[in-house]
Protein backbone atom coordinates (compact mmCIF):
# COMPACT_ATOMS: atom_id res chain seq x y z
CA UNK A 1 14.29 76.91 141.37
CA UNK A 2 14.19 75.48 137.82
CA UNK A 3 12.90 79.08 136.38
CA UNK A 4 15.67 80.86 138.76
CA UNK A 5 18.45 78.71 137.09
CA UNK A 6 17.22 79.88 133.63
CA UNK A 7 17.03 83.24 134.64
CA UNK A 8 20.84 83.29 136.06
CA UNK A 9 21.73 81.28 132.92
CA UNK A 10 20.35 84.05 130.62
CA UNK A 11 22.45 86.49 132.44
CA UNK A 12 25.80 84.74 131.88
CA UNK A 13 25.41 84.09 128.49
CA UNK A 14 24.55 88.09 127.82
CA UNK A 15 27.26 89.42 130.13
CA UNK A 16 29.73 86.79 128.59
CA UNK A 17 32.57 88.27 126.66
CA UNK A 18 32.10 87.89 122.91
CA UNK A 19 31.40 89.64 119.48
CA UNK A 20 28.54 91.39 120.31
CA UNK A 21 30.56 93.16 123.57
CA UNK A 22 33.69 94.15 121.13
CA UNK A 23 30.53 95.23 118.59
CA UNK A 24 29.21 97.47 121.20
CA UNK A 25 32.31 98.69 122.20
CA UNK A 26 34.03 99.35 118.97
CA UNK A 27 31.08 101.55 118.47
CA UNK A 28 30.68 103.34 121.59
CA UNK A 29 34.21 104.33 121.27
CA UNK A 30 34.79 105.80 117.45
CA UNK A 31 30.68 107.03 117.19
CA UNK A 32 29.70 107.62 120.62
CA UNK A 33 27.07 106.99 122.56
CA UNK A 34 23.99 106.64 120.42
CA UNK A 35 25.80 104.56 117.99
CA UNK A 36 26.67 101.95 120.89
CA UNK A 37 23.00 102.41 122.11
CA UNK A 38 21.82 101.89 118.18
CA UNK A 39 23.83 98.64 118.08
CA UNK A 40 22.35 97.16 120.90
CA UNK A 41 18.82 97.99 120.39
CA UNK A 42 20.07 95.71 116.84
CA UNK A 43 21.11 92.94 119.10
CA UNK A 44 18.31 92.29 120.98
CA UNK A 45 16.01 92.82 117.65
CA UNK A 46 18.03 90.26 116.64
CA UNK A 47 17.15 87.91 119.76
CA UNK A 48 13.33 88.55 118.53
CA UNK A 49 14.52 86.14 115.44
CA UNK A 50 15.83 83.64 117.41
CA UNK A 51 13.23 83.12 119.38
CA UNK A 52 10.77 83.29 116.76
CA UNK A 53 12.43 80.24 114.65
CA UNK A 54 13.02 78.45 118.07
CA UNK A 55 9.08 78.75 118.98
CA UNK A 56 8.53 77.31 115.30
CA UNK A 57 11.21 74.57 115.22
CA UNK A 58 13.09 75.72 112.42
CA UNK A 59 16.29 75.63 114.67
CA UNK A 60 15.49 71.92 114.76
CA UNK A 61 16.12 71.77 111.32
CA UNK A 62 18.97 73.84 110.74
CA UNK A 63 20.52 71.68 113.49
CA UNK A 64 19.58 68.35 111.50
CA UNK A 65 20.86 69.40 108.23
CA UNK A 66 25.05 70.51 108.58
CA UNK A 67 25.57 72.55 105.44
CA UNK A 68 22.65 74.59 106.24
CA UNK A 69 24.36 75.24 109.50
CA UNK A 70 27.71 75.70 107.76
CA UNK A 71 26.56 77.99 105.37
CA UNK A 72 25.30 79.95 108.74
CA UNK A 73 28.72 79.83 110.78
CA UNK A 74 30.76 80.99 107.46
CA UNK A 75 27.98 84.08 106.86
CA UNK A 76 28.87 85.41 110.78
CA UNK A 77 32.38 84.24 110.64
CA UNK A 78 33.03 86.31 107.19
CA UNK A 79 30.85 89.45 108.37
CA UNK A 80 32.77 89.59 112.07
CA UNK A 81 35.74 89.68 109.95
CA UNK A 82 34.51 92.16 107.40
CA UNK A 83 33.50 94.54 110.63
CA UNK A 84 37.14 93.53 112.33
CA UNK A 85 39.21 94.87 109.30
CA UNK A 86 36.95 97.64 108.58
CA UNK A 87 37.54 98.58 111.99
CA UNK A 88 41.20 98.61 111.54
CA UNK A 89 41.36 100.59 108.14
CA UNK A 90 38.70 103.61 109.12
CA UNK A 91 39.66 107.16 109.84
CA UNK A 92 38.56 108.10 113.16
CA UNK A 93 38.99 111.71 112.47
CA UNK A 94 35.89 112.99 111.63
CA UNK A 95 34.39 116.18 112.77
CA UNK A 96 31.45 117.02 114.99
CA UNK A 97 29.29 118.24 112.23
CA UNK A 98 29.94 115.84 109.97
CA UNK A 99 28.62 112.98 112.52
CA UNK A 100 25.53 115.72 113.32
CA UNK A 101 24.94 115.32 109.69
CA UNK A 102 24.94 111.54 109.68
CA UNK A 103 23.62 110.81 112.80
CA UNK A 104 19.99 109.70 111.12
CA UNK A 105 21.70 107.54 108.38
CA UNK A 106 24.47 106.17 110.75
CA UNK A 107 21.34 104.84 113.10
CA UNK A 108 19.99 102.75 110.75
CA UNK A 109 23.58 101.32 110.14
CA UNK A 110 24.98 100.72 113.60
CA UNK A 111 21.68 98.70 114.59
CA UNK A 112 21.98 96.58 111.57
CA UNK A 113 25.97 95.75 112.51
CA UNK A 114 24.05 94.61 115.53
CA UNK A 115 21.52 92.86 114.18
CA UNK A 116 23.10 90.91 111.62
CA UNK A 117 26.02 90.78 114.33
CA UNK A 118 24.03 88.72 116.29
CA UNK A 119 21.81 86.96 114.25
CA UNK A 120 24.37 85.28 112.25
CA UNK A 121 25.86 84.08 115.69
CA UNK A 122 25.75 80.01 115.45
CA UNK A 123 26.35 80.02 119.33
CA UNK A 124 23.35 82.12 119.46
CA UNK A 125 21.17 79.56 118.06
CA UNK A 126 22.66 76.72 119.70
CA UNK A 127 21.69 78.45 122.66
CA UNK A 128 18.20 79.01 121.78
CA UNK A 129 17.44 75.71 120.97
CA UNK A 130 19.03 73.94 123.59
CA UNK A 131 16.90 76.71 125.96
CA UNK A 132 13.73 76.02 124.18
CA UNK A 133 13.97 72.12 123.64
CA UNK A 134 13.52 72.06 127.63
CA UNK A 135 10.99 74.54 127.77
CA UNK A 136 8.38 74.10 124.88
CA UNK A 137 5.88 71.50 125.01
CA UNK A 138 2.07 70.82 123.50
CA UNK A 139 1.03 72.05 127.18
CA UNK A 140 -0.27 75.28 126.81
CA UNK A 141 1.16 76.90 130.01
CA UNK A 142 4.69 75.75 129.19
CA UNK A 143 4.50 77.73 126.18
CA UNK A 144 3.36 80.95 127.96
CA UNK A 145 6.29 80.46 130.10
CA UNK A 146 8.52 79.73 126.87
CA UNK A 147 7.68 83.56 125.41
CA UNK A 148 8.00 85.16 128.74
CA UNK A 149 11.37 83.84 128.89
CA UNK A 150 12.20 85.20 125.33
CA UNK A 151 11.10 88.21 126.13
CA UNK A 152 12.98 88.46 129.15
CA UNK A 153 16.05 87.53 126.84
CA UNK A 154 15.37 90.36 124.51
CA UNK A 155 14.89 92.59 127.27
CA UNK A 156 18.32 91.43 129.09
CA UNK A 157 20.67 92.03 125.71
CA UNK A 158 18.92 95.44 125.31
CA UNK A 159 19.99 96.95 128.29
CA UNK A 160 22.93 94.96 129.36
CA UNK A 161 24.47 96.09 126.06
CA UNK A 162 23.05 99.85 126.54
CA UNK A 163 24.47 99.59 129.71
CA UNK A 164 27.86 98.80 128.28
CA UNK A 165 27.25 101.88 125.91
CA UNK A 166 26.43 104.16 128.85
CA UNK A 167 29.61 103.03 130.37
CA UNK A 168 31.87 103.61 128.00
CA UNK A 169 31.23 106.71 127.20
CA UNK A 170 30.48 108.18 130.44
CA UNK A 171 32.39 111.54 131.80
CA UNK A 172 34.51 109.45 134.04
CA UNK A 173 35.61 107.39 131.16
CA UNK A 174 35.98 109.88 128.43
CA UNK A 175 39.25 111.20 129.16
CA UNK A 176 41.19 107.81 129.93
CA UNK A 177 39.20 106.36 126.64
CA UNK A 178 40.52 109.42 124.27
CA UNK A 179 44.47 108.73 124.92
CA UNK A 180 43.99 104.64 124.25
CA UNK A 181 41.54 105.01 121.86
CA UNK A 182 43.77 104.52 119.02
CA UNK A 183 45.23 100.91 120.65
CA UNK A 184 41.32 99.93 121.76
CA UNK A 185 40.02 100.04 118.71
CA UNK A 186 42.67 98.07 117.09
CA UNK A 187 41.96 95.62 119.81
CA UNK A 188 38.70 95.86 119.07
CA UNK A 189 39.08 95.11 115.29
CA UNK A 190 41.07 92.59 115.92
CA UNK A 191 38.75 91.03 118.24
CA UNK A 192 36.62 90.84 115.85
CA UNK A 193 38.83 89.14 113.48
CA UNK A 194 39.38 86.56 115.72
CA UNK A 195 36.13 85.64 116.68
CA UNK A 196 35.04 85.50 113.18
CA UNK A 197 38.54 83.69 111.95
CA UNK A 198 37.57 80.69 115.37
CA UNK A 199 34.08 80.57 114.21
CA UNK A 200 35.15 79.61 110.67
CA UNK A 201 38.23 77.11 111.88
CA UNK A 202 35.13 75.82 113.59
CA UNK A 203 33.04 74.93 111.06
């Protein structure tokens, strides 16, 4: 039952709307399916970092030093606000030829955006700290279970946010999203700014 509860908790955390979701939606809407998927992969790769420092106990160190925790919070806040303003001010009238020529360059850019958006999110840090403090122990079996749970969370983030990218670039939604692309893009940009601002206020 405990394993089932942790698995369900992971699903609820991943699918709950947040900055990661807004970023994947924005990149998928403006730059297409590949951009959304690369963003999703960046997010899942950041989970690897969260798991690594949780297993090593670094997250405990962060939680015990307020200045370090606040520095990470402000860095994450600033990055979300930057992405939000960038989305609001960007011109989305690139030609298909220009997009095609920039595919390889943009892949790393969108991957980095997803990676940094998740990595600098203190809520994600605290989530993994609280979860792994419950599952990590000197017992070798429980350490193995903690590692398996970490891999489960990595896969869960990659699958969910890739599905979000696929859904919002599907043929069924393409016509609708094309008509509301500008206001939806503005909402995404404003959403990222709000997430960043709230994060800074709560710091």
